Amino acid sequence: MFDLSLMGRMSFKHAAPAQPPLPALPAGRNRLGIADERDAILYVPPSLNLDAPIPLLVMFHGAGGFPEKVLPFLEEHANRHGFLLLAPHSTFATWDIVIGGNGPDVERLDKALAAVAARYAIDPARLGFAGYSDGASYALSTGITNGDIATHVIAFSGGFMNIFMQEGSPKVFIAHGLVDEQLPIATSGRANAAKLTAAGYDVEYVEFNGKHAIQPAIVSMAIDFFLRGSLQ
């Protein structure tokens, strides 16, 4: 049988946590233990309502980055709105699709999501894939490929999409700087938004007067997009 993971398909399925579920993790940053090195980190806000399904936002770092580099942009929002924040670590210096195709990062993402789902009831209507730079390319590629899992896809200054299969219909938020010196807006942000819009996806596209960087004001817009219509 053909291995669909080679095309970026994940094995994770939404399901109720085992009964009884594993204990909830303490507030703050927690290593998930899915790898001895370059482990995924789950940020748990101090006040989390465990009596209702919990939104989960997955944030993929940029090339040469690591979870602790992107978490500070989102932790305050997780605290305010009460959602879980998962930051995986790429197996190599950047995500596998940038290097040469889908590989170990899909497997690690499956393991990380399963580890979270073993402890918390994840809201199947609020599971977002977000990323910055190469991480945004990964969020777009993996989110569109697994739109039956990811309900929202958020790309901060992403470069490209590597998509061989399309499942589901996630909502998409793309933001890109007008003077991005690394990934020119015409061939990345605008091109990606146009392709997804033409394919029938619900795309919210934002251009900002800035370079290749995460902008706090744009992050706030993306979080509003992710939680729109939610009771959180």
Protein backbone atom coordinates (compact mmCIF):
# COMPACT_ATOMS: atom_id res chain seq x y z
CA MET A 1 0.00 0.00 0.00
CA PHE A 2 1.23 3.49 -0.82
CA ASP A 3 2.41 5.47 2.20
CA LEU A 4 0.26 8.62 2.23
CA SER A 5 2.60 10.26 4.75
CA LEU A 6 5.00 10.75 1.83
CA MET A 7 2.38 13.12 0.43
CA GLY A 8 2.03 14.89 3.76
CA ARG A 9 -1.04 13.09 5.06
CA MET A 10 -1.25 12.73 8.84
CA SER A 11 -2.62 9.80 10.80
CA PHE A 12 -4.02 11.88 13.70
CA LYS A 13 -7.76 11.63 14.21
CA HIS A 14 -9.98 13.72 16.46
CA ALA A 15 -11.27 11.59 19.31
CA ALA A 16 -12.29 11.92 22.92
CA PRO A 17 -9.40 11.48 25.36
CA ALA A 18 -8.97 8.08 26.92
CA GLN A 19 -10.97 7.59 30.11
CA PRO A 20 -9.54 8.53 32.42
CA PRO A 21 -7.32 10.88 30.41
CA LEU A 22 -3.71 11.47 31.35
CA PRO A 23 -3.30 14.30 33.89
CA ALA A 24 -3.32 17.88 32.63
CA LEU A 25 0.10 19.49 32.48
CA PRO A 26 1.11 22.43 34.71
CA ALA A 27 0.71 25.99 33.47
CA GLY A 28 3.57 27.26 31.35
CA ARG A 29 5.87 25.55 28.85
CA ASN A 30 6.00 21.77 28.93
CA ARG A 31 8.18 19.41 26.90
CA LEU A 32 6.02 16.62 25.48
CA GLY A 33 8.74 13.97 25.42
CA ILE A 34 8.19 12.87 21.82
CA ALA A 35 11.94 13.21 21.10
CA ASP A 36 15.09 13.25 23.19
CA GLU A 37 16.31 16.30 21.28
CA ARG A 38 14.37 19.00 19.44
CA ASP A 39 11.24 18.15 21.41
CA ALA A 40 7.83 19.76 20.94
CA ILE A 41 6.62 22.22 23.58
CA LEU A 42 3.06 22.66 24.79
CA TYR A 43 2.19 25.97 26.42
CA VAL A 44 -0.67 25.73 28.90
CA PRO A 45 -2.26 29.01 30.04
CA PRO A 46 -2.70 29.51 33.80
CA SER A 47 -6.50 29.45 33.66
CA LEU A 48 -7.77 26.78 31.29
CA ASN A 49 -11.37 25.56 31.22
CA LEU A 50 -11.11 21.76 31.20
CA ASP A 51 -14.89 21.31 31.16
CA ALA A 52 -15.28 22.25 27.49
CA PRO A 53 -13.45 21.44 24.24
CA ILE A 54 -10.23 23.48 24.09
CA PRO A 55 -8.96 25.29 20.98
CA LEU A 56 -5.42 24.31 19.98
CA LEU A 57 -3.07 26.42 17.88
CA VAL A 58 0.07 24.78 16.44
CA MET A 59 2.89 27.22 15.66
CA PHE A 60 5.78 26.24 13.35
CA HIS A 61 9.03 28.21 13.71
CA GLY A 62 11.10 29.66 10.86
CA ALA A 63 14.31 28.28 9.36
CA GLY A 64 17.04 27.88 11.97
CA GLY A 65 14.50 28.63 14.67
CA PHE A 66 13.08 26.74 17.64
CA PRO A 67 9.85 26.73 19.67
CA GLU A 68 11.04 29.23 22.26
CA LYS A 69 11.63 31.78 19.51
CA VAL A 70 7.99 31.94 18.37
CA LEU A 71 6.12 31.18 21.59
CA PRO A 72 6.48 34.71 23.06
CA PHE A 73 4.42 36.14 20.19
CA LEU A 74 1.43 33.98 21.13
CA GLU A 75 1.54 33.16 24.84
CA GLU A 76 -0.21 36.35 25.91
CA HIS A 77 -3.06 35.55 23.53
CA ALA A 78 -3.29 31.99 24.86
CA ASN A 79 -3.52 33.40 28.39
CA ARG A 80 -6.22 35.90 27.46
CA HIS A 81 -8.40 33.58 25.38
CA GLY A 82 -7.76 30.22 27.04
CA PHE A 83 -6.35 28.05 24.28
CA LEU A 84 -3.49 25.56 24.12
CA LEU A 85 -0.38 26.43 22.14
CA LEU A 86 1.75 23.68 20.60
CA ALA A 87 5.19 24.53 19.16
CA PRO A 88 6.89 21.59 17.42
CA HIS A 89 10.61 21.57 16.62
CA SER A 90 11.70 20.62 13.11
CA THR A 91 13.84 17.50 12.88
CA PHE A 92 16.50 19.37 10.93
CA ALA A 93 17.44 23.06 10.65
CA THR A 94 14.17 23.70 8.84
CA TRP A 95 11.04 21.74 7.92
CA ASP A 96 11.36 18.63 5.80
CA ILE A 97 9.29 19.91 2.85
CA VAL A 98 11.77 22.77 2.42
CA ILE A 99 14.69 20.36 2.29
CA GLY A 100 13.31 17.68 0.02
CA GLY A 101 9.82 16.42 0.75
CA ASN A 102 7.53 15.15 3.48
CA GLY A 103 9.29 12.98 6.05
CA PRO A 104 9.96 12.87 9.79
CA ASP A 105 8.23 16.16 10.64
CA VAL A 106 4.82 14.73 9.74
CA GLU A 107 5.48 11.78 12.03
CA ARG A 108 6.57 14.07 14.87
CA LEU A 109 3.52 16.28 14.41
CA ASP A 110 1.26 13.22 14.64
CA LYS A 111 2.99 12.18 17.87
CA ALA A 112 2.75 15.69 19.35
CA LEU A 113 -0.97 16.01 18.59
CA ALA A 114 -1.63 12.54 20.01
CA ALA A 115 0.24 13.48 23.18
CA VAL A 116 -1.91 16.59 23.60
CA ALA A 117 -5.14 14.73 22.82
CA ALA A 118 -4.31 12.14 25.47
CA ARG A 119 -4.57 14.87 28.13
CA TYR A 120 -7.07 17.39 26.77
CA ALA A 121 -10.34 17.42 24.81
CA ILE A 122 -9.24 19.34 21.71
CA ASP A 123 -11.96 21.39 20.03
CA PRO A 124 -12.33 19.81 16.55
CA ALA A 125 -13.68 23.16 15.28
CA ARG A 126 -10.63 25.10 16.47
CA LEU A 127 -7.39 23.34 15.58
CA GLY A 128 -5.14 25.79 13.76
CA PHE A 129 -1.81 25.35 11.95
CA ALA A 130 0.22 28.56 11.99
CA GLY A 131 3.79 29.40 11.10
CA TYR A 132 6.37 32.03 10.28
CA SER A 133 8.58 32.08 7.15
CA ASP A 134 9.54 28.44 6.39
CA GLY A 135 7.14 27.52 9.18
CA ALA A 136 4.38 29.37 7.33
CA SER A 137 5.18 27.39 4.19
CA TYR A 138 4.90 24.25 6.32
CA ALA A 139 1.60 25.39 7.87
CA LEU A 140 0.13 26.11 4.43
CA SER A 141 1.34 22.85 2.92
CA THR A 142 0.40 20.61 5.84
CA GLY A 143 -2.82 22.45 6.67
CA ILE A 144 -4.25 22.29 3.15
CA THR A 145 -3.16 18.65 2.81
CA ASN A 146 -4.85 17.84 6.13
CA GLY A 147 -7.82 20.19 6.09
CA ASP A 148 -9.92 17.47 7.68
CA ILE A 149 -7.74 17.93 10.79
CA ALA A 150 -6.72 21.61 10.65
CA THR A 151 -9.69 23.97 10.64
CA HIS A 152 -7.60 27.14 10.29
CA VAL A 153 -4.29 27.85 8.56
CA ILE A 154 -2.28 30.96 9.40
CA ALA A 155 0.79 32.01 7.40
CA PHE A 156 3.02 34.86 8.56
CA SER A 157 5.37 35.77 5.68
CA GLY A 158 5.33 32.34 4.08
CA GLY A 159 7.15 31.45 0.90
CA PHE A 160 5.48 28.57 -0.92
CA MET A 161 3.05 25.66 -0.77
CA ASN A 162 4.00 22.02 -1.43
CA ILE A 163 0.64 20.27 -1.84
CA PHE A 164 -0.01 16.89 -3.44
CA MET A 165 -3.39 16.19 -1.82
CA GLN A 166 -6.21 18.41 -0.62
CA GLU A 167 -8.58 17.36 2.14
CA GLY A 168 -11.27 19.40 3.86
CA SER A 169 -11.68 23.16 3.59
CA PRO A 170 -9.75 25.02 6.30
CA LYS A 171 -10.08 28.78 6.57
CA VAL A 172 -6.84 30.53 5.60
CA PHE A 173 -5.18 33.70 6.92
CA ILE A 174 -2.13 35.00 5.03
CA ALA A 175 -0.12 38.08 6.04
CA HIS A 176 2.92 39.42 4.20
CA GLY A 177 5.12 42.52 4.37
CA LEU A 178 5.18 44.90 1.42
CA VAL A 179 8.96 45.22 1.63
CA ASP A 180 9.84 41.63 2.55
CA GLU A 181 13.48 41.37 1.55
CA GLN A 182 13.67 37.57 1.85
CA LEU A 183 10.43 36.38 0.27
CA PRO A 184 9.10 39.04 -2.15
CA ILE A 185 5.40 39.58 -1.69
CA ALA A 186 4.49 39.23 -5.39
CA THR A 187 5.79 35.68 -5.69
CA SER A 188 4.87 34.47 -2.22
CA GLY A 189 2.10 36.10 -0.17
CA ARG A 190 0.06 37.43 -3.10
CA ALA A 191 0.64 34.33 -5.21
CA ASN A 192 -0.36 31.94 -2.41
CA ALA A 193 -3.50 33.92 -1.58
CA ALA A 194 -4.53 34.07 -5.23
CA LYS A 195 -4.04 30.32 -5.77
CA LEU A 196 -6.05 29.36 -2.69
CA THR A 197 -8.83 31.84 -3.46
CA ALA A 198 -9.08 30.49 -7.01
CA ALA A 199 -9.28 26.96 -5.56
CA GLY A 200 -12.31 27.98 -3.50
CA TYR A 201 -10.76 28.42 -0.06
CA ASP A 202 -11.99 31.09 2.35
CA VAL A 203 -8.90 33.33 2.45
CA GLU A 204 -8.29 36.41 4.58
CA TYR A 205 -5.27 38.21 3.12
CA VAL A 206 -3.43 41.07 4.85
CA GLU A 207 -0.52 43.16 3.59
CA PHE A 208 1.44 45.29 6.02
CA ASN A 209 4.08 47.98 5.64
CA GLY A 210 7.05 46.02 6.91
CA LYS A 211 9.82 43.54 6.22
CA HIS A 212 10.25 39.81 6.88
CA ALA A 213 9.16 39.69 10.52
CA ILE A 214 6.32 38.71 12.82
CA GLN A 215 4.26 41.80 13.58
CA PRO A 216 2.39 41.81 16.93
CA ALA A 217 -0.57 43.71 15.45
CA ILE A 218 -0.89 41.12 12.68
CA VAL A 219 -0.68 38.30 15.24
CA SER A 220 -3.66 39.85 17.05
CA MET A 221 -5.62 39.87 13.80
CA ALA A 222 -4.71 36.23 13.19
CA ILE A 223 -5.86 35.19 16.68
CA ASP A 224 -9.17 36.98 16.12
CA PHE A 225 -9.48 35.07 12.85
CA PHE A 226 -8.75 31.77 14.62
CA LEU A 227 -11.25 32.30 17.44
CA ARG A 228 -13.96 34.11 15.48
CA GLY A 229 -17.35 32.75 16.46
CA SER A 230 -15.86 30.87 19.41
CA LEU A 231 -17.03 31.28 22.98
CA GLN A 232 -13.38 31.63 24.08
